[in-house]
Amino acid sequence: MTQTPPRRRAPGMSPERRKAMIVSAALPLLAEYGTAVTTSQIARAAGIGEATIFRVFADKEELLGACMKEAVRPDHAVKEIASIPLDQPLSARLVEALEALDAHLTRIGTIAGALMAGGHRGRGASGDPTAPRDRGRPGSRGVDARAASMAMIRDAVADLFEPERDSLRLSAEQTAAIFVGLMFARPRLTAARSSQAARADSPGGTNATAPQDPVDQVDPVDQAGQADRADQAEGDRTPSSSALLEISPAELVEVFLHGALAPGHEPHERQNPHEPKEEG
């Protein structure tokens, strides 16, 4: 009589893979319901029992923090930029890179906005939500993570300039650094100008704008939050002012590659009033 070999149980999923699977299921629910989303809803979306969530996450707060951490990772944008064909014109490559970054910032803004609206503060390195935040402090995890994210995006963009390396004024890496700076400044510029327009249109409004912290100017989370808050104020702006404030990816690339002046125009060199006039 032939004996049936015992069925071997499939190896279980590692805690890290299970965490990633749960976070992936939670992100769209968090964007839709905010912090009101329940672990029961997340478990159903992930196809697991609710108790499984708490085998890898201490509580819901830790899960929400993992969602924010996943949202700010630049991997998705970097992969999109790396997949852009180099046989396209440079302008087309850069527009695609901007669109990939826009999607990245939108993802961050959606999740960050949902968490902030629900009062989620997150936890510091100690895991204590009441501990002082170390954001912006040199050498802190937040600053190091942002620097690493920016470096990944900058390196991916530098590869887009490779076919034109011999034609560039600066190195591909330096050119990419300037372009990435513009990429991140565009949402902040639109948001800041939108807020300024809204204040100017309101009774007693002013056109004055507070100076921006240089550190925040390259913070993807802050950039996304600014743009998200500007979108929420859309109803307070007239269509004409909103249209004037928008800077499309194609427009930014055009100015970056060809300068601010329209074709056929040269810079107007204003004479120094202290210099003597040339006599004809």
Protein backbone atom coordinates (compact mmCIF):
# COMPACT_ATOMS: atom_id res chain seq x y z
CA MET A 1 0.00 0.00 0.00
CA THR A 2 1.42 3.33 -1.09
CA GLN A 3 1.55 5.92 1.66
CA THR A 4 0.58 9.46 0.82
CA PRO A 5 3.43 11.79 1.80
CA PRO A 6 2.45 14.33 4.43
CA ARG A 7 1.51 17.73 3.06
CA ARG A 8 4.14 20.30 3.72
CA ARG A 9 2.93 23.59 5.10
CA ALA A 10 3.88 26.63 3.05
CA PRO A 11 6.43 28.83 4.79
CA GLY A 12 4.84 31.73 6.65
CA MET A 13 5.23 35.33 5.56
CA SER A 14 8.01 37.22 7.30
CA PRO A 15 6.96 40.04 9.66
CA GLU A 16 8.47 42.66 7.35
CA ARG A 17 6.62 41.35 4.30
CA ARG A 18 3.40 41.16 6.29
CA LYS A 19 3.85 44.74 7.46
CA ALA A 20 4.38 45.87 3.87
CA MET A 21 1.26 44.01 2.75
CA ILE A 22 -0.86 45.57 5.49
CA VAL A 23 0.47 49.08 4.79
CA SER A 24 -0.22 48.63 1.07
CA ALA A 25 -3.84 47.74 1.86
CA ALA A 26 -4.16 50.59 4.38
CA LEU A 27 -2.90 53.46 2.20
CA PRO A 28 -5.94 53.84 -0.10
CA LEU A 29 -8.30 53.46 2.89
CA LEU A 30 -6.36 56.09 4.82
CA ALA A 31 -6.61 58.46 1.85
CA GLU A 32 -10.38 57.87 1.70
CA TYR A 33 -11.38 57.77 5.37
CA GLY A 34 -8.47 59.51 7.11
CA THR A 35 -7.64 58.43 10.64
CA ALA A 36 -11.25 57.28 11.08
CA VAL A 37 -10.36 54.13 9.13
CA THR A 38 -10.61 51.07 11.38
CA THR A 39 -8.20 48.18 11.67
CA SER A 40 -11.15 45.96 10.82
CA GLN A 41 -11.52 47.72 7.44
CA ILE A 42 -7.78 47.40 6.82
CA ALA A 43 -7.82 43.71 7.70
CA ARG A 44 -10.67 43.03 5.28
CA ALA A 45 -8.85 44.90 2.51
CA ALA A 46 -5.68 42.90 3.20
CA GLY A 47 -7.57 39.60 3.35
CA ILE A 48 -6.40 38.79 6.87
CA GLY A 49 -7.86 38.61 10.35
CA GLU A 50 -7.79 41.81 12.41
CA ALA A 51 -5.65 40.12 15.06
CA THR A 52 -2.92 39.60 12.45
CA ILE A 53 -2.41 43.36 12.28
CA PHE A 54 -1.51 43.47 15.96
CA ARG A 55 1.02 40.68 15.59
CA VAL A 56 3.24 43.04 13.61
CA PHE A 57 2.07 46.48 14.79
CA ALA A 58 1.81 47.46 18.45
CA ASP A 59 -1.30 49.56 17.81
CA LYS A 60 -3.13 51.59 15.19
CA GLU A 61 -0.86 54.61 15.77
CA GLU A 62 2.18 52.58 14.79
CA LEU A 63 0.39 51.38 11.66
CA LEU A 64 -0.50 54.96 10.68
CA GLY A 65 3.11 55.98 11.19
CA ALA A 66 4.22 53.14 8.91
CA CYS A 67 1.78 54.40 6.27
CA MET A 68 3.31 57.88 6.39
CA LYS A 69 6.80 56.42 6.21
CA GLU A 70 5.84 54.40 3.13
CA ALA A 71 4.17 57.40 1.46
CA VAL A 72 7.30 59.58 1.67
CA ARG A 73 9.63 56.94 0.25
CA PRO A 74 10.89 58.14 -3.15
CA ASP A 75 11.19 54.63 -4.61
CA HIS A 76 8.07 54.96 -6.79
CA ALA A 77 9.18 58.29 -8.29
CA VAL A 78 12.76 57.07 -8.80
CA LYS A 79 11.55 53.96 -10.66
CA GLU A 80 9.30 56.09 -12.86
CA ILE A 81 12.15 58.47 -13.67
CA ALA A 82 14.56 55.58 -14.34
CA SER A 83 12.08 54.08 -16.83
CA ILE A 84 11.98 57.21 -19.02
CA PRO A 85 13.48 56.37 -22.45
CA LEU A 86 16.70 58.29 -23.14
CA ASP A 87 16.00 58.38 -26.88
CA GLN A 88 13.25 60.95 -26.30
CA PRO A 89 14.00 64.68 -26.62
CA LEU A 90 15.43 66.11 -23.39
CA SER A 91 12.41 68.34 -22.86
CA ALA A 92 10.07 65.32 -23.04
CA ARG A 93 12.26 63.43 -20.56
CA LEU A 94 12.19 66.27 -18.07
CA VAL A 95 8.42 66.76 -18.38
CA GLU A 96 7.93 63.06 -17.58
CA ALA A 97 10.27 63.41 -14.58
CA LEU A 98 8.20 66.34 -13.31
CA GLU A 99 4.99 64.39 -13.72
CA ALA A 100 6.47 61.47 -11.77
CA LEU A 101 7.47 63.83 -8.97
CA ASP A 102 4.04 65.48 -9.00
CA ALA A 103 2.48 62.05 -8.44
CA HIS A 104 4.95 61.45 -5.60
CA LEU A 105 4.10 64.76 -3.91
CA THR A 106 0.37 64.18 -4.39
CA ARG A 107 0.72 60.80 -2.68
CA ILE A 108 2.56 62.40 0.24
CA GLY A 109 0.09 65.28 0.48
CA THR A 110 -2.93 62.99 0.48
CA ILE A 111 -1.63 60.78 3.30
CA ALA A 112 -0.08 63.63 5.32
CA GLY A 113 -3.27 65.68 4.99
CA ALA A 114 -5.41 62.77 6.13
CA LEU A 115 -3.20 62.16 9.16
CA MET A 116 -2.96 65.82 10.16
CA ALA A 117 -6.71 66.33 9.77
CA GLY A 118 -7.25 63.45 12.19
CA GLY A 119 -4.80 64.84 14.74
CA HIS A 120 -2.13 62.18 14.19
CA ARG A 121 1.15 63.48 15.54
CA GLY A 122 3.36 60.47 14.96
CA ARG A 123 6.17 59.36 17.20
CA GLY A 124 9.77 60.34 17.53
CA ALA A 125 12.69 57.94 17.46
CA SER A 126 11.85 56.84 21.00
CA GLY A 127 8.35 55.74 19.99
CA ASP A 128 6.81 58.18 22.47
CA PRO A 129 4.28 60.53 20.80
CA THR A 130 4.89 63.13 23.53
CA ALA A 131 8.65 63.20 22.92
CA PRO A 132 10.10 66.35 21.29
CA ARG A 133 10.28 66.07 17.50
CA ASP A 134 13.78 66.19 16.00
CA ARG A 135 12.64 67.46 12.61
CA GLY A 136 15.10 69.91 11.08
CA ARG A 137 17.93 69.12 13.50
CA PRO A 138 21.20 68.30 11.64
CA GLY A 139 22.09 64.65 12.08
CA SER A 140 18.53 63.68 13.03
CA ARG A 141 16.75 60.80 11.34
CA GLY A 142 14.31 63.11 9.61
CA VAL A 143 17.03 65.29 8.06
CA ASP A 144 19.13 62.27 7.06
CA ALA A 145 16.12 60.56 5.46
CA ARG A 146 15.20 63.69 3.49
CA ALA A 147 18.79 64.11 2.30
CA ALA A 148 18.88 60.47 1.17
CA SER A 149 15.56 60.85 -0.66
CA MET A 150 16.74 63.99 -2.43
CA ALA A 151 19.99 62.25 -3.44
CA MET A 152 18.07 59.32 -4.93
CA ILE A 153 15.85 61.63 -6.98
CA ARG A 154 18.78 63.82 -8.04
CA ASP A 155 20.81 60.81 -9.23
CA ALA A 156 17.84 59.49 -11.22
CA VAL A 157 17.38 62.90 -12.89
CA ALA A 158 21.13 63.17 -13.60
CA ASP A 159 20.86 60.04 -15.73
CA LEU A 160 18.30 61.84 -17.91
CA PHE A 161 20.97 64.41 -18.85
CA GLU A 162 23.55 61.76 -19.77
CA PRO A 163 23.02 61.89 -23.58
CA GLU A 164 23.62 65.68 -23.48
CA ARG A 165 26.52 65.54 -21.00
CA ASP A 166 29.02 67.14 -23.44
CA SER A 167 26.60 70.00 -24.21
CA LEU A 168 25.86 71.03 -20.62
CA ARG A 169 27.24 74.19 -19.00
CA LEU A 170 27.64 72.27 -15.73
CA SER A 171 28.03 68.60 -14.94
CA ALA A 172 24.98 66.34 -15.27
CA GLU A 173 24.94 66.03 -11.48
CA GLN A 174 25.01 69.81 -10.92
CA THR A 175 22.39 70.40 -13.61
CA ALA A 176 20.18 67.74 -12.04
CA ALA A 177 20.57 69.35 -8.61
CA ILE A 178 19.33 72.70 -10.00
CA PHE A 179 16.43 71.05 -11.81
CA VAL A 180 15.40 69.05 -8.74
CA GLY A 181 15.42 72.29 -6.74
CA LEU A 182 12.99 73.77 -9.24
CA MET A 183 10.91 70.61 -9.15
CA PHE A 184 10.38 70.96 -5.43
CA ALA A 185 9.98 74.74 -5.49
CA ARG A 186 7.13 74.62 -8.02
CA PRO A 187 4.40 73.30 -5.63
CA ARG A 188 5.59 75.66 -2.88
CA LEU A 189 5.62 78.62 -5.28
CA THR A 190 2.10 77.85 -6.44
CA ALA A 191 0.87 77.35 -2.86
CA ALA A 192 2.61 80.45 -1.50
CA ARG A 193 1.33 82.66 -4.29
CA SER A 194 -2.15 81.20 -3.95
CA SER A 195 -2.20 81.96 -0.23
CA GLN A 196 -0.90 85.45 -0.95
CA ALA A 197 -3.65 86.04 -3.50
CA ALA A 198 -6.29 84.80 -1.08
CA ARG A 199 -5.04 87.16 1.64
CA ALA A 200 -4.92 90.09 -0.80
CA ASP A 201 -8.51 89.43 -1.90
CA SER A 202 -9.79 89.28 1.68
CA PRO A 203 -10.77 92.42 3.66
CA GLY A 204 -7.67 93.93 5.19
CA GLY A 205 -5.51 91.51 3.20
CA THR A 206 -1.85 92.10 2.49
CA ASN A 207 0.58 91.00 -0.15
CA ALA A 208 3.38 90.48 2.34
CA THR A 209 4.78 86.98 2.54
CA ALA A 210 6.79 85.57 5.42
CA PRO A 211 10.33 84.44 4.52
CA GLN A 212 10.67 80.69 4.08
CA ASP A 213 13.05 78.50 6.01
CA PRO A 214 15.71 77.20 3.58
CA VAL A 215 15.54 73.75 5.19
CA ASP A 216 11.80 73.50 4.48
CA GLN A 217 12.31 74.45 0.85
CA VAL A 218 13.54 70.94 0.11
CA ASP A 219 11.24 69.03 2.44
CA PRO A 220 8.91 66.84 0.33
CA VAL A 221 6.40 66.43 3.17
CA ASP A 222 6.19 70.19 3.68
CA GLN A 223 6.00 70.79 -0.08
CA ALA A 224 3.11 68.37 -0.39
CA GLY A 225 1.36 69.85 2.63
CA GLN A 226 1.62 73.35 1.18
CA ALA A 227 0.14 72.23 -2.12
CA ASP A 228 -2.58 70.23 -0.36
CA ARG A 229 -3.62 73.24 1.74
CA ALA A 230 -3.63 75.43 -1.38
CA ASP A 231 -5.95 72.96 -3.11
CA GLN A 232 -8.32 73.11 -0.13
CA ALA A 233 -8.50 76.91 -0.55
CA GLU A 234 -9.38 76.59 -4.25
CA GLY A 235 -12.93 77.77 -3.64
CA ASP A 236 -11.64 81.04 -2.17
CA ARG A 237 -9.84 82.03 -5.39
CA THR A 238 -11.25 83.25 -8.65
CA PRO A 239 -10.71 81.00 -11.71
CA SER A 240 -8.59 83.66 -13.37
CA SER A 241 -6.17 84.02 -10.44
CA SER A 242 -5.93 80.25 -10.08
CA ALA A 243 -5.07 79.86 -13.76
CA LEU A 244 -2.39 82.54 -13.52
CA LEU A 245 -0.76 80.87 -10.54
CA GLU A 246 -0.49 77.43 -12.13
CA ILE A 247 2.93 76.42 -13.48
CA SER A 248 2.73 73.36 -15.71
CA PRO A 249 5.59 70.83 -16.04
CA ALA A 250 6.06 71.85 -19.69
CA GLU A 251 6.31 75.55 -18.75
CA LEU A 252 8.89 74.91 -16.06
CA VAL A 253 10.98 72.74 -18.40
CA GLU A 254 10.79 75.41 -21.13
CA VAL A 255 12.11 78.11 -18.75
CA PHE A 256 14.76 75.76 -17.35
CA LEU A 257 16.13 74.83 -20.78
CA HIS A 258 15.74 78.15 -22.61
CA GLY A 259 15.67 80.85 -19.93
CA ALA A 260 13.02 83.26 -18.73
CA LEU A 261 13.03 85.53 -21.78
CA ALA A 262 10.82 84.78 -24.77
CA PRO A 263 12.55 83.90 -28.08
CA GLY A 264 13.98 86.93 -29.86
CA HIS A 265 14.41 88.99 -26.69
CA GLU A 266 17.68 89.94 -25.02
CA PRO A 267 18.26 91.02 -21.41
CA HIS A 268 17.91 94.77 -20.92
CA GLU A 269 21.17 95.99 -19.46
CA ARG A 270 20.31 98.94 -17.25
CA GLN A 271 23.08 101.49 -17.01
CA ASN A 272 24.51 102.21 -13.59
CA PRO A 273 23.44 105.79 -12.78
CA HIS A 274 26.83 106.41 -11.11
CA GLU A 275 28.74 105.56 -14.27
CA PRO A 276 29.46 108.39 -16.72
CA LYS A 277 27.43 108.30 -19.92
CA GLU A 278 29.28 107.48 -23.08
CA GLU A 279 29.45 110.38 -25.47
CA GLY A 280 28.67 109.68 -29.11
